[in-house]
Protein backbone atom coordinates (compact mmCIF):
# COMPACT_ATOMS: atom_id res chain seq x y z
CA MET A 1 84.98 98.55 127.75
CA LYS A 2 83.55 100.65 124.92
CA LYS A 3 79.97 99.90 123.90
CA ILE A 4 78.84 100.68 120.35
CA LEU A 5 75.29 100.67 118.99
CA ILE A 6 74.46 100.35 115.29
CA LYS A 7 70.78 101.19 114.76
CA ASN A 8 68.37 101.55 111.84
CA ALA A 9 70.17 98.80 109.93
CA VAL A 10 68.88 96.10 107.58
CA ILE A 11 70.67 93.10 109.07
CA TYR A 12 71.69 89.84 107.39
CA THR A 13 72.44 86.80 109.55
CA PRO A 14 72.61 83.01 108.99
CA THR A 15 69.17 82.57 110.57
CA ALA A 16 67.28 85.71 109.47
CA ASN A 17 67.90 87.96 106.51
CA GLY A 18 67.01 91.52 105.70
CA PHE A 19 65.29 92.52 108.94
CA ASN A 20 65.29 95.99 110.45
CA GLY A 21 67.21 96.01 113.68
CA TRP A 22 70.13 97.02 115.82
CA VAL A 23 73.39 95.55 117.07
CA ILE A 24 75.41 96.18 120.23
CA ILE A 25 79.19 95.71 120.13
CA GLU A 26 81.41 95.39 123.18
CA ASP A 27 85.05 94.38 123.56
CA LYS A 28 85.51 93.82 119.79
CA LYS A 29 82.59 91.38 119.62
CA ILE A 30 78.90 91.33 118.82
CA LEU A 31 77.07 91.37 122.13
CA SER A 32 73.45 91.53 120.98
CA ILE A 33 71.33 91.51 117.81
CA GLN A 34 67.75 92.78 118.04
CA ARG A 35 64.81 93.59 115.78
CA GLY A 36 63.16 96.99 115.63
CA SER A 37 64.56 100.08 117.31
CA PRO A 38 66.41 100.46 120.65
CA ILE A 39 64.75 102.37 123.47
CA PRO A 40 66.25 105.77 124.41
CA GLU A 41 67.76 104.35 127.63
CA THR A 42 69.74 101.82 125.59
CA GLU A 43 71.14 104.54 123.35
CA GLN A 44 72.08 106.66 126.34
CA ALA A 45 74.09 103.78 127.81
CA MET A 46 76.31 103.60 124.71
CA ASP A 47 79.74 105.14 124.18
CA GLN A 48 79.05 105.45 120.45
CA VAL A 49 75.86 105.33 118.36
CA ILE A 50 76.02 104.72 114.60
CA ASP A 51 72.87 105.41 112.59
CA ALA A 52 72.86 103.07 109.59
CA GLU A 53 70.04 105.08 108.00
CA GLY A 54 68.45 101.96 106.51
CA LYS A 55 71.60 100.61 104.88
CA ALA A 56 72.49 96.92 104.75
CA LEU A 57 74.60 95.63 107.64
CA LEU A 58 76.64 92.67 106.44
CA PRO A 59 79.59 90.69 107.73
CA GLY A 60 82.77 92.15 106.24
CA PHE A 61 83.91 90.71 102.95
CA ILE A 62 86.54 87.97 103.02
CA ASP A 63 88.74 87.81 99.92
CA VAL A 64 90.71 84.56 99.80
CA HIS A 65 92.28 85.22 96.40
CA THR A 66 93.92 88.61 95.92
CA HIS A 67 97.48 89.33 94.80
CA GLY A 68 97.85 93.05 95.38
CA GLY A 69 97.03 96.56 94.19
CA LEU A 70 98.24 100.16 93.92
CA GLY A 71 101.43 98.92 92.23
CA PHE A 72 102.22 96.43 95.03
CA CYS A 73 102.12 92.63 95.18
CA THR A 74 102.26 89.86 97.77
CA MET A 75 105.46 88.67 96.08
CA ASP A 76 107.20 91.93 97.08
CA ALA A 77 107.30 90.46 100.61
CA ASP A 78 107.38 94.01 101.95
CA GLN A 79 105.56 95.07 105.14
CA GLU A 80 104.70 98.60 104.03
CA ARG A 81 103.36 97.39 100.70
CA LEU A 82 101.29 94.67 102.35
CA LYS A 83 99.93 97.35 104.69
CA ALA A 84 98.90 99.52 101.73
CA ILE A 85 97.14 96.56 100.11
CA ALA A 86 95.31 95.82 103.38
CA ARG A 87 94.10 99.42 103.67
CA ARG A 88 92.83 99.48 100.09
CA ASN A 89 90.94 96.24 100.77
CA ALA A 90 89.27 97.78 103.82
CA GLU A 91 88.06 100.71 101.71
CA HIS A 92 86.10 98.19 99.64
CA GLY A 93 84.60 96.34 102.61
CA VAL A 94 87.17 93.58 103.08
CA THR A 95 87.74 92.78 106.75
CA SER A 96 89.88 89.63 106.30
CA PHE A 97 91.92 88.45 103.32
CA LEU A 98 94.57 86.05 102.13
CA PRO A 99 97.44 87.76 100.30
CA THR A 100 98.02 85.45 97.37
CA THR A 101 101.29 84.39 95.76
CA LEU A 102 102.23 83.88 92.13
CA THR A 103 104.17 80.88 90.86
CA ASP A 104 107.80 81.65 91.61
CA THR A 105 111.02 80.15 92.98
CA LYS A 106 111.12 78.39 96.33
CA GLU A 107 113.09 81.25 97.86
CA ALA A 108 110.68 83.97 96.67
CA THR A 109 107.68 81.95 97.87
CA ILE A 110 109.20 81.46 101.33
CA ARG A 111 109.92 85.20 101.60
CA ALA A 112 106.27 85.90 100.79
CA ILE A 113 105.00 83.34 103.33
CA GLU A 114 107.20 84.84 106.04
CA ALA A 115 106.21 88.43 105.25
CA VAL A 116 102.48 87.68 105.19
CA THR A 117 102.64 85.59 108.36
CA ALA A 118 104.32 88.49 110.17
CA ARG A 119 101.18 90.57 109.56
CA ILE A 120 98.62 88.12 110.95
CA ASN A 121 98.19 89.83 114.33
CA VAL A 122 99.01 93.35 113.15
CA ARG A 123 96.17 95.89 113.43
CA ASP A 124 97.00 99.09 111.58
CA GLY A 125 93.81 100.27 109.96
CA GLY A 126 93.59 97.78 107.12
CA ALA A 127 91.89 94.47 106.46
CA LYS A 128 93.11 91.61 108.66
CA THR A 129 95.62 89.18 107.23
CA ALA A 130 94.31 85.68 107.95
CA GLY A 131 97.25 83.83 106.41
CA ILE A 132 98.55 83.24 102.91
CA HIS A 133 97.14 81.62 99.77
CA LEU A 134 99.71 79.83 97.64
CA GLU A 135 98.54 79.99 94.04
CA GLY A 136 101.07 77.54 92.71
CA PRO A 137 103.72 76.49 91.98
CA TYR A 138 102.31 72.98 91.46
CA PHE A 139 100.30 73.55 88.28
CA ASN A 140 99.87 72.15 84.78
CA PRO A 141 101.96 74.30 82.41
CA VAL A 142 99.36 73.78 79.67
CA LYS A 143 96.99 75.92 81.81
CA ALA A 144 99.58 78.38 83.11
CA GLY A 145 97.59 81.48 82.15
CA ALA A 146 99.49 84.42 83.65
CA GLN A 147 101.51 82.15 85.95
CA ASP A 148 105.23 81.83 85.14
CA PRO A 149 105.64 78.55 83.20
CA ASP A 150 109.37 78.47 83.97
CA ASN A 151 108.63 78.00 87.67
CA ILE A 152 105.72 75.55 87.42
CA ARG A 153 106.72 72.20 88.87
CA ARG A 154 105.38 69.04 90.52
CA ALA A 155 104.91 68.95 94.26
CA ASP A 156 108.00 68.03 96.29
CA LYS A 157 107.77 66.83 99.91
CA ASN A 158 110.95 68.61 101.01
CA GLU A 159 109.82 71.91 99.51
CA ILE A 160 106.38 71.52 101.09
CA ARG A 161 108.01 70.95 104.47
CA ASP A 162 109.92 74.20 104.10
CA PHE A 163 106.79 76.07 103.03
CA LEU A 164 104.95 74.80 106.11
CA LYS A 165 107.82 75.86 108.36
CA ALA A 166 107.85 79.36 106.86
CA GLY A 167 104.43 80.42 108.12
CA LYS A 168 100.64 80.26 108.08
CA ILE A 169 99.30 78.78 104.86
CA ARG A 170 95.48 78.74 104.73
CA LEU A 171 94.90 77.78 101.09
CA ILE A 172 96.90 76.24 98.26
CA ALA A 173 95.96 75.77 94.61
CA MET A 174 97.39 72.83 92.66
CA ALA A 175 96.72 70.77 89.54
CA PRO A 176 95.37 67.43 90.82
CA GLU A 177 96.08 65.37 87.69
CA TYR A 178 99.61 64.52 88.86
CA PRO A 179 100.28 61.78 91.46
CA GLU A 180 102.80 64.00 93.28
CA ASN A 181 100.18 66.72 93.67
CA LEU A 182 97.55 64.28 94.91
CA ALA A 183 99.97 63.13 97.59
CA ALA A 184 100.62 66.79 98.44
CA GLY A 185 96.88 67.29 98.79
CA ASP A 186 96.89 64.73 101.59
CA LEU A 187 99.83 66.49 103.26
CA PHE A 188 98.29 69.96 103.17
CA ALA A 189 94.84 68.76 104.19
CA ALA A 190 96.35 66.95 107.18
CA GLU A 191 97.71 70.34 108.29
CA GLY A 192 94.22 71.89 108.10
CA ILE A 193 95.03 73.76 104.88
CA THR A 194 92.33 74.07 102.23
CA VAL A 195 93.38 72.52 98.92
CA SER A 196 92.02 73.88 95.64
CA ALA A 197 92.18 72.57 92.08
CA GLY A 198 93.53 75.29 89.81
CA HIS A 199 95.49 75.96 86.60
CA THR A 200 94.67 72.39 85.72
CA ASN A 201 93.70 70.17 82.81
CA ALA A 202 92.08 67.64 85.13
CA SER A 203 89.44 65.31 83.80
CA TYR A 204 86.16 64.71 85.60
CA ASP A 205 87.57 61.46 87.01
CA ASP A 206 90.69 63.31 88.17
CA LEU A 207 88.49 65.64 90.21
CA VAL A 208 86.54 62.76 91.70
CA LYS A 209 89.85 61.24 92.82
CA ALA A 210 91.19 64.58 94.06
CA ALA A 211 88.23 64.92 96.42
CA GLU A 212 89.54 61.78 98.13
CA HIS A 213 92.93 63.47 98.62
CA GLY A 214 91.95 66.66 100.40
CA PHE A 215 90.86 68.84 97.46
CA SER A 216 87.70 70.79 98.32
CA GLU A 217 87.81 74.01 96.29
CA ILE A 218 88.04 75.15 92.67
CA THR A 219 90.30 78.08 91.83
CA HIS A 220 88.55 80.78 89.74
CA LEU A 221 85.94 78.53 88.13
CA TYR A 222 86.00 78.57 84.29
CA ASN A 223 89.50 80.13 84.17
CA GLY A 224 92.76 78.21 84.00
CA MET A 225 91.07 74.90 83.19
CA GLY A 226 89.96 72.82 80.23
CA ALA A 227 86.71 73.43 78.41
CA PHE A 228 83.51 71.60 79.31
CA GLY A 229 82.57 68.75 77.01
CA HIS A 230 79.45 66.62 76.94
CA ARG A 231 81.51 63.41 76.80
CA GLU A 232 84.36 64.65 79.02
CA PRO A 233 82.91 67.18 81.50
CA GLY A 234 86.42 68.01 82.69
CA THR A 235 87.25 70.30 85.57
CA ILE A 236 84.26 72.57 84.92
CA GLY A 237 81.80 69.68 84.87
CA GLY A 238 83.32 68.21 88.01
CA ALA A 239 83.32 71.54 89.79
CA LEU A 240 79.64 72.11 89.09
CA THR A 241 78.41 68.60 89.92
CA ILE A 242 80.68 67.09 92.59
CA PRO A 243 79.27 68.14 96.01
CA ALA A 244 82.70 68.23 97.68
CA TYR A 245 83.77 71.35 95.79
CA THR A 246 83.23 74.99 96.64
CA CYS A 247 83.88 77.23 93.64
CA GLU A 248 85.68 80.59 93.48
CA LEU A 249 84.21 83.06 90.96
CA ILE A 250 85.73 86.24 89.49
CA CYS A 251 82.60 88.28 88.74
CA ASP A 252 84.13 91.08 86.67
CA ASN A 253 82.19 90.08 83.50
CA VAL A 254 85.52 89.71 81.69
CA HIS A 255 86.86 86.43 83.09
CA SER A 256 83.52 84.71 82.51
CA HIS A 257 80.17 85.52 80.94
CA PRO A 258 77.25 86.50 83.18
CA ALA A 259 75.38 83.41 81.98
CA THR A 260 78.10 81.22 83.49
CA HIS A 261 77.52 82.93 86.83
CA ARG A 262 73.86 81.95 86.60
CA LEU A 263 74.90 78.39 85.78
CA ALA A 264 77.23 78.26 88.80
CA TRP A 265 74.48 79.65 91.04
CA LYS A 266 71.95 77.06 89.86
CA ALA A 267 74.47 74.21 90.17
CA LYS A 268 76.18 75.07 93.46
CA GLY A 269 73.69 77.22 95.37
CA PRO A 270 74.36 79.81 98.08
CA GLU A 271 76.72 77.71 100.23
CA LYS A 272 79.22 76.56 97.60
CA ILE A 273 80.27 79.78 95.85
CA ILE A 274 83.02 82.16 96.99
CA LEU A 275 83.36 85.53 95.32
CA ILE A 276 86.99 86.58 94.82
CA THR A 277 88.77 89.49 93.16
CA ASP A 278 92.01 87.87 91.90
CA CYS A 279 93.22 91.48 91.72
CA ILE A 280 96.86 92.04 90.85
CA ARG A 281 99.57 94.67 91.22
CA PRO A 282 98.08 97.43 88.98
CA SER A 283 94.55 97.25 90.41
CA GLY A 284 93.46 100.63 91.68
CA LEU A 285 95.71 102.45 89.18
CA PRO A 286 94.56 104.30 86.02
CA ASP A 287 94.51 102.56 82.64
CA GLY A 288 98.03 102.06 81.32
CA THR A 289 100.88 99.56 81.12
CA TYR A 290 102.55 98.45 84.35
CA PRO A 291 104.96 95.81 85.68
CA PHE A 292 103.25 92.53 86.59
CA THR A 293 106.31 90.47 87.48
CA ASP A 294 110.04 90.87 86.85
CA LYS A 295 109.46 89.27 83.45
CA GLU A 296 106.05 90.55 82.35
CA MET A 297 104.16 93.80 81.83
CA VAL A 298 100.38 94.05 82.00
CA THR A 299 98.12 96.49 80.17
CA VAL A 300 95.08 97.82 82.04
CA SER A 301 92.25 99.06 79.81
CA GLU A 302 88.51 99.71 79.67
CA HIS A 303 88.52 101.69 82.93
CA GLY A 304 90.38 99.01 84.85
CA THR A 305 88.18 96.10 83.81
CA ASN A 306 90.52 94.38 81.35
CA LEU A 307 94.08 93.37 82.34
CA ARG A 308 96.15 91.47 79.81
CA LEU A 309 99.70 90.32 79.20
CA LYS A 310 101.51 91.09 75.95
CA ASN A 311 100.39 87.71 74.53
CA GLY A 312 96.75 88.58 75.19
CA SER A 313 96.26 86.32 78.21
CA LEU A 314 94.14 87.62 81.06
CA ALA A 315 96.31 88.51 84.05
CA GLY A 316 94.03 88.66 87.05
CA SER A 317 91.74 91.63 87.58
CA ALA A 318 91.26 95.04 89.14
CA LEU A 319 87.98 93.91 90.67
CA THR A 320 86.89 94.88 94.19
CA MET A 321 84.70 92.76 96.45
CA ASP A 322 81.86 95.29 96.59
CA ARG A 323 81.72 95.36 92.78
CA ALA A 324 81.96 91.56 92.63
CA LEU A 325 78.89 91.23 94.85
CA PHE A 326 76.98 93.84 92.85
CA ASN A 327 77.80 92.10 89.55
CA PHE A 328 76.93 88.66 90.92
CA MET A 329 73.49 89.79 92.08
CA ASN A 330 72.82 91.50 88.74
CA ASN A 331 74.02 88.52 86.71
CA THR A 332 72.06 85.93 88.69
CA GLY A 333 68.94 87.96 89.45
CA THR A 334 69.36 87.29 93.15
CA THR A 335 69.14 89.46 96.26
CA LEU A 336 71.37 90.09 99.27
CA ASP A 337 69.12 87.70 101.23
CA GLU A 338 70.27 84.90 98.97
CA VAL A 339 73.90 85.70 98.22
CA TRP A 340 75.49 87.66 101.08
CA ARG A 341 77.30 84.58 102.37
CA CYS A 342 79.09 84.16 99.02
CA SER A 343 81.14 87.25 99.93
CA SER A 344 81.96 86.28 103.51
CA LEU A 345 80.75 83.20 105.39
CA ASN A 346 81.52 80.60 102.71
CA ALA A 347 85.11 81.82 102.52
CA ALA A 348 85.41 81.89 106.32
CA ILE A 349 84.25 78.28 106.51
CA GLN A 350 86.63 77.14 103.77
CA ILE A 351 89.73 78.66 105.36
CA GLY A 352 88.83 77.78 108.95
CA ILE A 353 88.03 81.18 110.50
CA SER A 354 84.23 80.96 110.71
CA ALA A 355 84.25 80.43 114.48
CA GLU A 356 85.30 84.06 114.93
CA THR A 357 84.21 85.94 111.80
CA GLY A 358 82.28 85.73 108.53
CA SER A 359 78.74 86.22 109.83
CA ILE A 360 76.71 88.44 112.14
CA GLU A 361 76.20 86.29 115.21
CA LYS A 362 76.39 86.89 118.92
CA GLY A 363 79.93 86.32 120.23
CA LYS A 364 81.65 86.73 116.87
CA LEU A 365 84.05 89.56 116.13
CA ALA A 366 82.44 92.82 115.01
CA ASP A 367 83.82 92.63 111.47
CA LEU A 368 81.00 94.51 109.76
CA ILE A 369 80.20 96.70 106.77
CA LEU A 370 77.41 99.06 105.77
CA LEU A 371 76.36 98.93 102.11
CA ASP A 372 74.04 101.23 100.19
CA ALA A 373 71.56 100.03 97.56
CA ALA A 374 74.29 100.04 94.88
CA CYS A 375 76.56 97.83 97.04
CA GLN A 376 78.91 100.73 97.70
CA VAL A 377 80.70 100.50 101.03
CA LYS A 378 79.81 103.31 103.41
CA MET A 379 81.57 101.93 106.51
CA THR A 380 84.02 99.17 107.31
CA MET A 381 84.39 98.06 110.94
CA ILE A 382 87.02 95.59 112.08
CA GLU A 383 86.80 94.19 115.59
CA GLY A 384 84.58 97.10 116.63
CA GLU A 385 86.85 99.78 115.17
CA ILE A 386 85.79 101.87 112.18
CA VAL A 387 88.65 101.70 109.68
CA TYR A 388 86.85 103.24 106.71
CA GLN A 389 83.88 105.59 106.41
């Protein structure tokens, strides 16, 4: 079995952050984590030695909310396109991700579930597919955003049964203000699927009730939900104050103001925030106008930072996880010591894969990245194999 040594790294773990040390990897997993420098005999016993040159060694990013890129989308349900998306993700430090659907017909959604599920155990140089995230179709049309209002509907038990049969769902976003969707929350949660409140006009009381029906996450906090009010705190107030909820954040400085990132950090802390990209089909392409769905075009402007439909609505982002982390630290005044888990471990816990990945710990898979001081990815390693450098 191949033994790999990563030395001269600044290592971040759940128990100790930002220490100089070294890691040994064997048989896809982390075998040992040590402080200081290895002795020459240790280096000589290795099959491969990687000098981190003082860079940060973090667990690979986990993006639980990402629709596509390079002109491709999860809804294409195409293996080669999903492969291209996975490889682009790995270039930006993502080691595991959930290809994410858009609100569509039952048939199109099932095709996407089947296509994504077929990639779960495929290793071909890109980020690992951990399952699928269904963003919709059980939303509130008043908060459709870029989701197709013609296909938004209430949860249906027969349709849910068919979705579950089609493949591995890890996360679903729904509007919890409807009784049918609350009942669906119980069904999905009973299957071990994380349930998120999204594209919703839920009141504070609705969110309190939803937490009793399996809801534990908030889809892109501040976006696709009603405004905060001092008499009716709404979804935003509930998200920030109800302990049951972990909040997704799109930190592109377009979807929400940097001050709101500071607010989320103060309210939720390091264990209840998940950085996401919500990137869509044109992400990674030059500024211009591109297809978004069969019905809609999207215009990408301002060097890929602003993506809007013809009606002016925001339509996801072209954000990458490395940039999301960089922006979040800048906007909150925090350090990697404080926030690294917002880009990996918190997501792993929420979608049920933290036993094997999401943090640097002995026995876990060697899903690792090296970052420079500007949060630029210099190496991505998945299960002990370098897939980007």
